[in-house]
C-alpha atoms as a PDB file:
ATOM      1  CA  MET A   1     -42.554  22.765   8.907  1.00  0.00           C
ATOM      2  CA  ASN A   2     -40.131  19.921   8.239  1.00  0.00           C
ATOM      3  CA  GLU A   3     -38.841  18.046  11.248  1.00  0.00           C
ATOM      4  CA  ILE A   4     -35.105  18.203  11.837  1.00  0.00           C
ATOM      5  CA  ALA A   5     -33.650  14.719  11.493  1.00  0.00           C
ATOM      6  CA  PRO A   6     -31.922  13.378  14.613  1.00  0.00           C
ATOM      7  CA  GLN A   7     -28.169  13.747  14.453  1.00  0.00           C
ATOM      8  CA  LYS A   8     -26.257  10.570  13.737  1.00  0.00           C
ATOM      9  CA  PHE A   9     -23.273   9.074  15.550  1.00  0.00           C
ATOM     10  CA  LEU A  10     -24.057  10.626  18.917  1.00  0.00           C
ATOM     11  CA  HIS A  11     -24.772   7.744  21.271  1.00  0.00           C
ATOM     12  CA  PRO A  12     -22.349   4.815  21.532  1.00  0.00           C
ATOM     13  CA  ASP A  13     -25.103   2.204  21.902  1.00  0.00           C
ATOM     14  CA  VAL A  14     -28.074   3.574  19.961  1.00  0.00           C
ATOM     15  CA  THR A  15     -28.447   5.072  16.472  1.00  0.00           C
ATOM     16  CA  ALA A  16     -30.408   8.219  15.646  1.00  0.00           C
ATOM     17  CA  LYS A  17     -33.355   5.945  14.757  1.00  0.00           C
ATOM     18  CA  GLY A  18     -33.224   4.248  18.145  1.00  0.00           C
ATOM     19  CA  GLU A  19     -31.790   0.979  16.846  1.00  0.00           C
ATOM     20  CA  THR A  20     -29.004  -0.963  18.535  1.00  0.00           C
ATOM     21  CA  ARG A  21     -25.632   0.166  17.212  1.00  0.00           C
ATOM     22  CA  ALA A  22     -23.317  -2.542  15.893  1.00  0.00           C
ATOM     23  CA  SER A  23     -20.070  -3.321  17.633  1.00  0.00           C
ATOM     24  CA  VAL A  24     -17.080  -5.469  16.752  1.00  0.00           C
ATOM     25  CA  ALA A  25     -15.590  -7.912  19.233  1.00  0.00           C
ATOM     26  CA  PHE A  26     -11.831  -8.386  19.331  1.00  0.00           C
ATOM     27  CA  ASP A  27     -10.927 -11.664  17.621  1.00  0.00           C
ATOM     28  CA  ARG A  28      -7.129 -11.832  17.310  1.00  0.00           C
ATOM     29  CA  LEU A  29      -4.176  -9.498  16.848  1.00  0.00           C
ATOM     30  CA  ASP A  30      -3.096  -9.715  13.207  1.00  0.00           C
ATOM     31  CA  THR A  31      -1.599  -6.222  12.955  1.00  0.00           C
ATOM     32  CA  LEU A  32      -0.179  -3.811  15.491  1.00  0.00           C
ATOM     33  CA  TRP A  33       0.084  -0.332  13.996  1.00  0.00           C
ATOM     34  CA  ILE A  34       2.626   2.167  15.262  1.00  0.00           C
ATOM     35  CA  ASN A  35       1.763   5.750  14.373  1.00  0.00           C
ATOM     36  CA  THR A  36       5.201   7.331  14.098  1.00  0.00           C
ATOM     37  CA  GLY A  37       3.779  10.872  14.404  1.00  0.00           C
ATOM     38  CA  THR A  38       1.579  13.194  12.350  1.00  0.00           C
ATOM     39  CA  LEU A  39       4.423  15.261  10.910  1.00  0.00           C
ATOM     40  CA  CYS A  40       4.704  14.810   7.145  1.00  0.00           C
ATOM     41  CA  ASN A  41       6.825  16.342   4.421  1.00  0.00           C
ATOM     42  CA  ILE A  42       3.696  17.345   2.462  1.00  0.00           C
ATOM     43  CA  GLU A  43       0.128  18.433   3.206  1.00  0.00           C
ATOM     44  CA  CYS A  44      -2.505  16.606   1.171  1.00  0.00           C
ATOM     45  CA  ALA A  45      -5.840  18.151   0.241  1.00  0.00           C
ATOM     46  CA  ASN A  46      -7.870  15.311   1.806  1.00  0.00           C
ATOM     47  CA  CYS A  47      -5.625  13.713   4.406  1.00  0.00           C
ATOM     48  CA  TYR A  48      -7.842  11.739   6.801  1.00  0.00           C
ATOM     49  CA  ILE A  49      -5.350  12.183   9.646  1.00  0.00           C
ATOM     50  CA  HIS A  50      -4.606  15.859   8.804  1.00  0.00           C
ATOM     51  CA  SER A  51      -0.837  15.408   8.645  1.00  0.00           C
ATOM     52  CA  SER A  52       1.381  18.274   7.533  1.00  0.00           C
ATOM     53  CA  PRO A  53       4.915  19.675   7.954  1.00  0.00           C
ATOM     54  CA  THR A  54       3.715  21.541  11.064  1.00  0.00           C
ATOM     55  CA  ASP A  55       1.087  19.254  12.654  1.00  0.00           C
ATOM     56  CA  ASP A  56       2.715  17.316  15.495  1.00  0.00           C
ATOM     57  CA  ARG A  57      -0.384  16.680  17.620  1.00  0.00           C
ATOM     58  CA  LEU A  58       0.696  13.037  17.445  1.00  0.00           C
ATOM     59  CA  ALA A  59       4.333  13.235  18.482  1.00  0.00           C
ATOM     60  CA  TYR A  60       7.188  11.054  17.334  1.00  0.00           C
ATOM     61  CA  ILE A  61       7.014   7.743  19.143  1.00  0.00           C
ATOM     62  CA  SER A  62      10.464   6.625  20.268  1.00  0.00           C
ATOM     63  CA  PRO A  63      12.112   3.217  19.824  1.00  0.00           C
ATOM     64  CA  GLU A  64      12.088   2.846  23.604  1.00  0.00           C
ATOM     65  CA  GLU A  65       8.321   3.398  23.707  1.00  0.00           C
ATOM     66  CA  ALA A  66       7.718   1.000  20.809  1.00  0.00           C
ATOM     67  CA  VAL A  67       9.655  -1.759  22.622  1.00  0.00           C
ATOM     68  CA  ARG A  68       6.976  -1.949  25.309  1.00  0.00           C
ATOM     69  CA  TYR A  69       4.311  -2.772  22.725  1.00  0.00           C
ATOM     70  CA  PHE A  70       6.511  -5.230  20.863  1.00  0.00           C
ATOM     71  CA  ASP A  71       6.943  -7.025  24.197  1.00  0.00           C
ATOM     72  CA  GLU A  72       3.173  -7.037  24.711  1.00  0.00           C
ATOM     73  CA  THR A  73       2.489  -8.478  21.257  1.00  0.00           C
ATOM     74  CA  ALA A  74       4.867 -11.351  22.019  1.00  0.00           C
ATOM     75  CA  ALA A  75       3.049 -12.070  25.283  1.00  0.00           C
ATOM     76  CA  ILE A  76      -0.394 -11.942  23.628  1.00  0.00           C
ATOM     77  CA  ALA A  77       0.736 -14.246  20.799  1.00  0.00           C
ATOM     78  CA  ALA A  78       2.278 -16.710  23.231  1.00  0.00           C
ATOM     79  CA  GLN A  79      -0.857 -16.802  25.362  1.00  0.00           C
ATOM     80  CA  ALA A  80      -3.103 -17.295  22.321  1.00  0.00           C
ATOM     81  CA  GLY A  81      -0.758 -19.785  20.670  1.00  0.00           C
ATOM     82  CA  THR A  82      -0.659 -17.719  17.473  1.00  0.00           C
ATOM     83  CA  ALA A  83       2.088 -16.320  15.262  1.00  0.00           C
ATOM     84  CA  LEU A  84       3.515 -12.897  15.957  1.00  0.00           C
ATOM     85  CA  PRO A  85       1.370 -10.157  14.389  1.00  0.00           C
ATOM     86  CA  GLU A  86       2.443  -7.960  11.540  1.00  0.00           C
ATOM     87  CA  ILE A  87       3.814  -4.575  12.616  1.00  0.00           C
ATOM     88  CA  GLY A  88       2.538  -1.666  10.521  1.00  0.00           C
ATOM     89  CA  PHE A  89       4.208   1.750  10.580  1.00  0.00           C
ATOM     90  CA  THR A  90       2.107   4.718   9.517  1.00  0.00           C
ATOM     91  CA  GLY A  91       2.074   8.484  10.049  1.00  0.00           C
ATOM     92  CA  GLY A  92       2.367  11.202   8.949  1.00  0.00           C
ATOM     93  CA  GLU A  93       5.361  10.064   7.012  1.00  0.00           C
ATOM     94  CA  PRO A  94       7.126   7.307   8.969  1.00  0.00           C
ATOM     95  CA  PHE A  95      10.567   8.161   7.622  1.00  0.00           C
ATOM     96  CA  MET A  96      10.297  11.634   9.200  1.00  0.00           C
ATOM     97  CA  ASN A  97      10.704   9.922  12.587  1.00  0.00           C
ATOM     98  CA  PRO A  98      14.427   9.798  13.447  1.00  0.00           C
ATOM     99  CA  GLY A  99      13.957   6.427  15.179  1.00  0.00           C
ATOM    100  CA  MET A 100      12.234   4.724  12.246  1.00  0.00           C
ATOM    101  CA  ILE A 101      15.120   2.510  11.118  1.00  0.00           C
ATOM    102  CA  GLU A 102      15.829   1.471  14.721  1.00  0.00           C
ATOM    103  CA  MET A 103      12.164   0.533  15.311  1.00  0.00           C
ATOM    104  CA  LEU A 104      12.080  -1.338  12.005  1.00  0.00           C
ATOM    105  CA  GLU A 105      15.191  -3.314  12.915  1.00  0.00           C
ATOM    106  CA  ASP A 106      13.808  -4.161  16.363  1.00  0.00           C
ATOM    107  CA  ALA A 107      10.515  -5.451  14.930  1.00  0.00           C
ATOM    108  CA  LEU A 108      12.264  -7.537  12.265  1.00  0.00           C
ATOM    109  CA  THR A 109      14.796  -8.976  14.691  1.00  0.00           C
ATOM    110  CA  ARG A 110      11.933 -10.152  16.911  1.00  0.00           C
ATOM    111  CA  GLY A 111      10.451 -12.072  13.975  1.00  0.00           C
ATOM    112  CA  HIS A 112       7.646  -9.742  12.844  1.00  0.00           C
ATOM    113  CA  GLU A 113       6.621  -9.139   9.269  1.00  0.00           C
ATOM    114  CA  VAL A 114       6.624  -5.352   8.779  1.00  0.00           C
ATOM    115  CA  LEU A 115       4.519  -3.075   6.565  1.00  0.00           C
ATOM    116  CA  ILE A 116       5.511   0.593   6.129  1.00  0.00           C
ATOM    117  CA  LEU A 117       3.092   3.126   4.626  1.00  0.00           C
ATOM    118  CA  THR A 118       5.105   5.874   2.925  1.00  0.00           C
ATOM    119  CA  ASN A 119       4.947   8.481   0.188  1.00  0.00           C
ATOM    120  CA  ALA A 120       8.486   7.372  -0.853  1.00  0.00           C
ATOM    121  CA  MET A 121       9.557  11.013  -1.195  1.00  0.00           C
ATOM    122  CA  GLN A 122      12.504  12.928   0.280  1.00  0.00           C
ATOM    123  CA  PRO A 123      12.378  11.541   3.861  1.00  0.00           C
ATOM    124  CA  MET A 124      12.709   7.973   2.568  1.00  0.00           C
ATOM    125  CA  GLN A 125      15.278   8.981  -0.042  1.00  0.00           C
ATOM    126  CA  ARG A 126      17.797  10.435   2.405  1.00  0.00           C
ATOM    127  CA  PRO A 127      21.132   8.569   2.169  1.00  0.00           C
ATOM    128  CA  ARG A 128      21.033   7.456   5.826  1.00  0.00           C
ATOM    129  CA  VAL A 129      17.542   6.004   5.442  1.00  0.00           C
ATOM    130  CA  LYS A 130      18.342   4.299   2.142  1.00  0.00           C
ATOM    131  CA  ALA A 131      21.456   2.745   3.640  1.00  0.00           C
ATOM    132  CA  GLY A 132      19.464   1.498   6.639  1.00  0.00           C
ATOM    133  CA  LEU A 133      16.758   0.005   4.442  1.00  0.00           C
ATOM    134  CA  ILE A 134      19.272  -1.752   2.199  1.00  0.00           C
ATOM    135  CA  ALA A 135      21.144  -3.218   5.181  1.00  0.00           C
ATOM    136  CA  LEU A 136      17.934  -4.579   6.719  1.00  0.00           C
ATOM    137  CA  HIS A 137      16.663  -5.855   3.384  1.00  0.00           C
ATOM    138  CA  GLU A 138      19.857  -7.864   2.919  1.00  0.00           C
ATOM    139  CA  VAL A 139      19.137  -9.666   6.197  1.00  0.00           C
ATOM    140  CA  PHE A 140      15.333  -9.846   6.345  1.00  0.00           C
ATOM    141  CA  GLY A 141      14.325  -9.764   2.666  1.00  0.00           C
ATOM    142  CA  ASN A 142      10.597  -9.983   2.024  1.00  0.00           C
ATOM    143  CA  SER A 143       9.746  -9.518   5.693  1.00  0.00           C
ATOM    144  CA  ILE A 144       9.900  -5.787   4.859  1.00  0.00           C
ATOM    145  CA  LYS A 145       7.018  -4.508   2.743  1.00  0.00           C
ATOM    146  CA  LEU A 146       6.508  -0.898   1.709  1.00  0.00           C
ATOM    147  CA  ARG A 147       3.155   0.426   0.501  1.00  0.00           C
ATOM    148  CA  VAL A 148       3.597   3.649  -1.444  1.00  0.00           C
ATOM    149  CA  SER A 149       0.814   6.238  -1.708  1.00  0.00           C
ATOM    150  CA  LEU A 150       0.150   7.104  -5.353  1.00  0.00           C
ATOM    151  CA  ASP A 151      -3.334   8.560  -5.552  1.00  0.00           C
ATOM    152  CA  HIS A 152      -3.753   8.231  -9.324  1.00  0.00           C
ATOM    153  CA  TYR A 153      -1.843   6.894 -12.280  1.00  0.00           C
ATOM    154  CA  THR A 154      -1.774  10.365 -13.847  1.00  0.00           C
ATOM    155  CA  GLU A 155       0.507  13.119 -12.632  1.00  0.00           C
ATOM    156  CA  ALA A 156      -2.245  15.745 -12.780  1.00  0.00           C
ATOM    157  CA  LEU A 157      -4.706  13.998 -10.454  1.00  0.00           C
ATOM    158  CA  HIS A 158      -2.024  12.828  -8.031  1.00  0.00           C
ATOM    159  CA  ASP A 159      -0.516  16.315  -7.799  1.00  0.00           C
ATOM    160  CA  ALA A 160      -3.963  17.864  -7.322  1.00  0.00           C
ATOM    161  CA  GLU A 161      -4.120  15.946  -4.034  1.00  0.00           C
ATOM    162  CA  ARG A 162      -0.475  16.084  -2.912  1.00  0.00           C
ATOM    163  CA  GLY A 163       1.033  19.184  -4.525  1.00  0.00           C
ATOM    164  CA  ALA A 164       2.902  20.069  -7.699  1.00  0.00           C
ATOM    165  CA  GLY A 165       5.881  17.839  -8.378  1.00  0.00           C
ATOM    166  CA  SER A 166       4.913  15.173  -5.854  1.00  0.00           C
ATOM    167  CA  PHE A 167       4.074  12.541  -8.487  1.00  0.00           C
ATOM    168  CA  GLU A 168       7.575  12.542  -9.964  1.00  0.00           C
ATOM    169  CA  LYS A 169       9.220  12.547  -6.526  1.00  0.00           C
ATOM    170  CA  THR A 170       7.140   9.525  -5.482  1.00  0.00           C
ATOM    171  CA  MET A 171       7.895   7.764  -8.762  1.00  0.00           C
ATOM    172  CA  GLU A 172      11.602   8.326  -8.108  1.00  0.00           C
ATOM    173  CA  GLY A 173      11.207   6.560  -4.775  1.00  0.00           C
ATOM    174  CA  LEU A 174       9.213   3.721  -6.328  1.00  0.00           C
ATOM    175  CA  ARG A 175      11.845   3.213  -9.022  1.00  0.00           C
ATOM    176  CA  TRP A 176      14.558   3.010  -6.377  1.00  0.00           C
ATOM    177  CA  LEU A 177      12.621   0.514  -4.246  1.00  0.00           C
ATOM    178  CA  SER A 178      11.958  -1.625  -7.312  1.00  0.00           C
ATOM    179  CA  SER A 179      15.597  -1.481  -8.436  1.00  0.00           C
ATOM    180  CA  GLU A 180      16.667  -2.708  -4.980  1.00  0.00           C
ATOM    181  CA  ASN A 181      14.112  -5.560  -5.145  1.00  0.00           C
ATOM    182  CA  PHE A 182      12.060  -4.483  -2.139  1.00  0.00           C
ATOM    183  CA  THR A 183       8.587  -5.975  -1.773  1.00  0.00           C
ATOM    184  CA  ILE A 184       6.339  -3.050  -2.692  1.00  0.00           C
ATOM    185  CA  ALA A 185       2.686  -2.230  -3.201  1.00  0.00           C
ATOM    186  CA  VAL A 186       0.860   0.926  -4.226  1.00  0.00           C
ATOM    187  CA  ALA A 187      -2.119   2.580  -2.519  1.00  0.00           C
ATOM    188  CA  GLY A 188      -4.429   4.599  -4.772  1.00  0.00           C
ATOM    189  CA  ARG A 189      -7.783   6.309  -4.336  1.00  0.00           C
ATOM    190  CA  THR A 190     -11.112   5.752  -6.067  1.00  0.00           C
ATOM    191  CA  THR A 191     -11.922   9.433  -6.499  1.00  0.00           C
ATOM    192  CA  SER A 192     -11.579  10.004 -10.250  1.00  0.00           C
ATOM    193  CA  GLY A 193     -15.057   8.835 -11.258  1.00  0.00           C
ATOM    194  CA  GLU A 194     -13.613   5.884 -13.187  1.00  0.00           C
ATOM    195  CA  THR A 195     -14.612   2.284 -12.663  1.00  0.00           C
ATOM    196  CA  GLU A 196     -12.223   0.100 -10.695  1.00  0.00           C
ATOM    197  CA  ASP A 197     -11.314  -1.759 -13.893  1.00  0.00           C
ATOM    198  CA  GLU A 198     -10.403   1.533 -15.576  1.00  0.00           C
ATOM    199  CA  VAL A 199      -8.276   2.618 -12.625  1.00  0.00           C
ATOM    200  CA  ARG A 200      -6.461  -0.717 -12.504  1.00  0.00           C
ATOM    201  CA  ALA A 201      -5.849  -0.605 -16.259  1.00  0.00           C
ATOM    202  CA  GLY A 202      -4.376   2.887 -15.920  1.00  0.00           C
ATOM    203  CA  PHE A 203      -2.046   1.794 -13.135  1.00  0.00           C
ATOM    204  CA  ALA A 204      -1.083  -1.329 -15.114  1.00  0.00           C
ATOM    205  CA  ALA A 205       0.020   0.862 -18.013  1.00  0.00           C
ATOM    206  CA  LEU A 206       2.015   3.089 -15.630  1.00  0.00           C
ATOM    207  CA  PHE A 207       3.719   0.117 -13.967  1.00  0.00           C
ATOM    208  CA  ALA A 208       4.630  -1.362 -17.361  1.00  0.00           C
ATOM    209  CA  ARG A 209       5.983   1.953 -18.633  1.00  0.00           C
ATOM    210  CA  GLU A 210       8.114   2.420 -15.522  1.00  0.00           C
ATOM    211  CA  GLY A 211       9.321  -1.187 -15.414  1.00  0.00           C
ATOM    212  CA  LEU A 212       7.817  -1.802 -11.962  1.00  0.00           C
ATOM    213  CA  SER A 213       7.173  -5.437 -11.062  1.00  0.00           C
ATOM    214  CA  LEU A 214       3.656  -4.806  -9.775  1.00  0.00           C
ATOM    215  CA  ASP A 215       0.429  -6.524 -10.833  1.00  0.00           C
ATOM    216  CA  ALA A 216      -2.320  -3.901 -10.915  1.00  0.00           C
ATOM    217  CA  ARG A 217      -4.969  -6.659 -10.921  1.00  0.00           C
ATOM    218  CA  ASN A 218      -3.660  -8.067  -7.651  1.00  0.00           C
ATOM    219  CA  LEU A 219      -5.669  -6.561  -4.772  1.00  0.00           C
ATOM    220  CA  ALA A 220      -2.636  -6.673  -2.461  1.00  0.00           C
ATOM    221  CA  SER A 221      -0.253  -5.080  -4.974  1.00  0.00           C
ATOM    222  CA  LEU A 222      -2.602  -2.204  -5.820  1.00  0.00           C
ATOM    223  CA  VAL A 223      -4.868  -1.252  -2.923  1.00  0.00           C
ATOM    224  CA  LEU A 224      -7.657   1.187  -3.856  1.00  0.00           C
ATOM    225  CA  PHE A 225      -9.170   3.113  -0.969  1.00  0.00           C
ATOM    226  CA  PRO A 226     -12.499   4.971  -0.931  1.00  0.00           C
ATOM    227  CA  GLU A 227     -12.359   8.657  -0.080  1.00  0.00           C
ATOM    228  CA  MET A 228     -13.268   9.422   3.523  1.00  0.00           C
ATOM    229  CA  ASP A 229     -15.457  12.507   3.147  1.00  0.00           C
ATOM    230  CA  GLU A 230     -16.219  13.732   6.662  1.00  0.00           C
ATOM    231  CA  GLN A 231     -19.291  15.595   5.398  1.00  0.00           C
ATOM    232  CA  ALA A 232     -20.797  12.796   3.306  1.00  0.00           C
ATOM    233  CA  GLU A 233     -24.163  11.336   4.249  1.00  0.00           C
ATOM    234  CA  VAL A 234     -23.637   7.764   5.442  1.00  0.00           C
ATOM    235  CA  PRO A 235     -25.924   5.317   7.253  1.00  0.00           C
ATOM    236  CA  GLU A 236     -25.318   4.158  10.787  1.00  0.00           C
ATOM    237  CA  ILE A 237     -24.483   0.473  11.212  1.00  0.00           C
ATOM    238  CA  THR A 238     -26.896  -1.516  13.360  1.00  0.00           C
ATOM    239  CA  THR A 239     -26.698  -5.086  14.623  1.00  0.00           C
ATOM    240  CA  ALA A 240     -29.099  -6.073  11.834  1.00  0.00           C
ATOM    241  CA  CYS A 241     -26.722  -4.774   9.146  1.00  0.00           C
ATOM    242  CA  TRP A 242     -24.343  -7.724   9.380  1.00  0.00           C
ATOM    243  CA  ASP A 243     -26.963 -10.102   7.977  1.00  0.00           C
ATOM    244  CA  ILE A 244     -28.503  -7.547   5.607  1.00  0.00           C
ATOM    245  CA  LEU A 245     -25.122  -6.670   4.078  1.00  0.00           C
ATOM    246  CA  HIS A 246     -23.688 -10.204   4.386  1.00  0.00           C
ATOM    247  CA  VAL A 247     -20.674  -8.815   6.222  1.00  0.00           C
ATOM    248  CA  ASP A 248     -18.825 -10.715   8.935  1.00  0.00           C
ATOM    249  CA  PRO A 249     -17.903  -8.420  11.857  1.00  0.00           C
ATOM    250  CA  ALA A 250     -14.697 -10.448  12.277  1.00  0.00           C
ATOM    251  CA  SER A 251     -13.553  -9.039   8.910  1.00  0.00           C
ATOM    252  CA  MET A 252     -13.440  -5.480  10.278  1.00  0.00           C
ATOM    253  CA  MET A 253     -10.050  -3.910  11.060  1.00  0.00           C
ATOM    254  CA  CYS A 254     -10.883  -3.408  14.714  1.00  0.00           C
ATOM    255  CA  ALA A 255     -11.429  -7.172  15.155  1.00  0.00           C
ATOM    256  CA  THR A 256      -7.800  -7.879  14.340  1.00  0.00           C
ATOM    257  CA  SER A 257      -5.718  -4.720  14.847  1.00  0.00           C
ATOM    258  CA  ARG A 258      -4.886  -1.881  17.204  1.00  0.00           C
ATOM    259  CA  MET A 259      -2.788   1.275  16.793  1.00  0.00           C
ATOM    260  CA  VAL A 260      -0.363   2.931  19.204  1.00  0.00           C
ATOM    261  CA  VAL A 261      -0.140   6.747  19.206  1.00  0.00           C
ATOM    262  CA  LYS A 262       1.790   9.285  21.273  1.00  0.00           C
ATOM    263  CA  ARG A 263      -0.178  12.482  21.842  1.00  0.00           C
ATOM    264  CA  ARG A 264       1.819  15.684  22.075  1.00  0.00           C
ATOM    265  CA  GLY A 265       2.511  16.400  25.740  1.00  0.00           C
ATOM    266  CA  ALA A 266       1.347  12.970  26.943  1.00  0.00           C
ATOM    267  CA  SER A 267       3.528  11.087  29.391  1.00  0.00           C
ATOM    268  CA  SER A 268       3.066   7.782  27.551  1.00  0.00           C
ATOM    269  CA  PRO A 269       1.561   6.388  24.344  1.00  0.00           C
ATOM    270  CA  ALA A 270      -2.047   5.226  24.087  1.00  0.00           C
ATOM    271  CA  VAL A 271      -3.755   2.405  22.201  1.00  0.00           C
ATOM    272  CA  ILE A 272      -6.656   3.180  19.873  1.00  0.00           C
ATOM    273  CA  SER A 273      -9.017   0.855  18.052  1.00  0.00           C
ATOM    274  CA  CYS A 274      -7.877   1.502  14.466  1.00  0.00           C
ATOM    275  CA  THR A 275      -5.803   3.656  12.157  1.00  0.00           C
ATOM    276  CA  LEU A 276      -8.658   5.914  11.060  1.00  0.00           C
ATOM    277  CA  LEU A 277      -9.738   7.519  14.322  1.00  0.00           C
ATOM    278  CA  PRO A 278      -6.744   8.805  16.292  1.00  0.00           C
ATOM    279  CA  ASP A 279      -8.485  11.991  17.444  1.00  0.00           C
ATOM    280  CA  ASP A 280     -11.844  10.656  18.663  1.00  0.00           C
ATOM    281  CA  PRO A 281     -11.584   9.961  22.416  1.00  0.00           C
ATOM    282  CA  GLN A 282     -14.273   7.267  22.366  1.00  0.00           C
ATOM    283  CA  PHE A 283     -11.886   5.055  20.368  1.00  0.00           C
ATOM    284  CA  GLU A 284      -8.988   5.381  22.813  1.00  0.00           C
ATOM    285  CA  MET A 285      -8.651   2.119  24.721  1.00  0.00           C
ATOM    286  CA  GLY A 286      -6.049   2.698  27.422  1.00  0.00           C
ATOM    287  CA  THR A 287      -2.283   2.559  27.505  1.00  0.00           C
ATOM    288  CA  THR A 288      -1.705  -1.189  27.165  1.00  0.00           C
ATOM    289  CA  LEU A 289      -2.519  -3.673  24.436  1.00  0.00           C
ATOM    290  CA  ALA A 290      -3.897  -6.136  26.960  1.00  0.00           C
ATOM    291  CA  GLY A 291      -6.353  -3.512  28.180  1.00  0.00           C
ATOM    292  CA  SER A 292      -7.447  -2.520  24.674  1.00  0.00           C
ATOM    293  CA  LEU A 293      -9.052  -5.764  23.557  1.00  0.00           C
ATOM    294  CA  ALA A 294     -12.653  -4.815  24.361  1.00  0.00           C
ATOM    295  CA  PRO A 295     -15.417  -4.612  21.708  1.00  0.00           C
ATOM    296  CA  VAL A 296     -15.451  -1.476  19.523  1.00  0.00           C
ATOM    297  CA  LYS A 297     -18.748   0.342  18.989  1.00  0.00           C
ATOM    298  CA  LEU A 298     -19.102   1.571  15.405  1.00  0.00           C
ATOM    299  CA  ASN A 299     -20.047   5.108  16.376  1.00  0.00           C
ATOM    300  CA  HIS A 300     -18.327   6.998  13.550  1.00  0.00           C
ATOM    301  CA  ARG A 301     -19.023   7.671   9.879  1.00  0.00           C
ATOM    302  CA  HIS A 302     -15.624   6.190   8.924  1.00  0.00           C
ATOM    303  CA  CYS A 303     -16.701   2.872  10.458  1.00  0.00           C
ATOM    304  CA  ALA A 304     -19.637   2.823   8.060  1.00  0.00           C
ATOM    305  CA  LYS A 305     -18.205   4.373   4.891  1.00  0.00           C
ATOM    306  CA  PHE A 306     -14.668   3.004   4.888  1.00  0.00           C
ATOM    307  CA  CYS A 307     -14.892  -0.349   6.666  1.00  0.00           C
ATOM    308  CA  VAL A 308     -18.404  -1.838   6.603  1.00  0.00           C
ATOM    309  CA  LEU A 309     -19.680  -0.417   3.298  1.00  0.00           C
ATOM    310  CA  GLY A 310     -16.342   0.262   1.616  1.00  0.00           C
ATOM    311  CA  GLY A 311     -14.849  -3.088   2.548  1.00  0.00           C
ATOM    312  CA  ALA A 312     -11.450  -1.465   3.078  1.00  0.00           C
ATOM    313  CA  SER A 313      -8.629  -2.391   5.405  1.00  0.00           C
ATOM    314  CA  CYS A 314      -5.266  -0.766   6.032  1.00  0.00           C
ATOM    315  CA  SER A 315      -3.487  -4.062   6.659  1.00  0.00           C
ATOM    316  CA  ALA A 316      -1.735  -6.173   4.052  1.00  0.00           C
END
């Protein structure tokens, strides 16, 4: 009879093989993410955060709640003698949150660079939102960056993930952002079976056809993310892996970023270690930024597949 293999990702300190699990020490705060809520205008087939038009398990964070964390970032930067961190807004769809423009203005006025992850569809294209974005862009220019989710350069593969008609609606938003001279990037996925060069060539042709001023060869202009299959077989990361893989733990997202979420029914927001794991309680690190700067134990398959082995990061 075959022995049943020990289950992985169970113990925070030890792998299934009994080896010491890797952890990542906090280094500096480069990016503070604000999760604006899990509500989204669409429901994707493989959404890592399970957003949808009805899923509000992460509630809308309010401008008043965000202020507290903006204040904390200023204090942390002053104490460390570093520049203010980037503020990243993610969701769900950030422009679903009625306080999004107010939070954006607050962050920019304080001197932060801001990155917004969006599908550029109807919530962003509402007249009130467009007017707010244009007004802020006139004042703050390239301090506002928008990264638009476009899973593939073909309509068929993008719509297979995000629903019929979504490709054209996103392209409409991208065209508008480009026409207004916003600083934009595109986030795609490496799920089509093509090589990275083939995917980048396909996006380059799309950008040229649409007249978008984006360089598909630039890793910041076209970010390609690996799929996060929650059932895929992935290795656990041990302390020995850093040298074996030639990976610096300081390059991991959780060394330089934290994310603020507001759970439905909670009295106050909470800080978690990264954007990928809002629902796993072992990655919740208290209610303050100052209290969240402890080492993060890589006790999740996303830590291995997406960050350590995939070399991906959500930040700019």
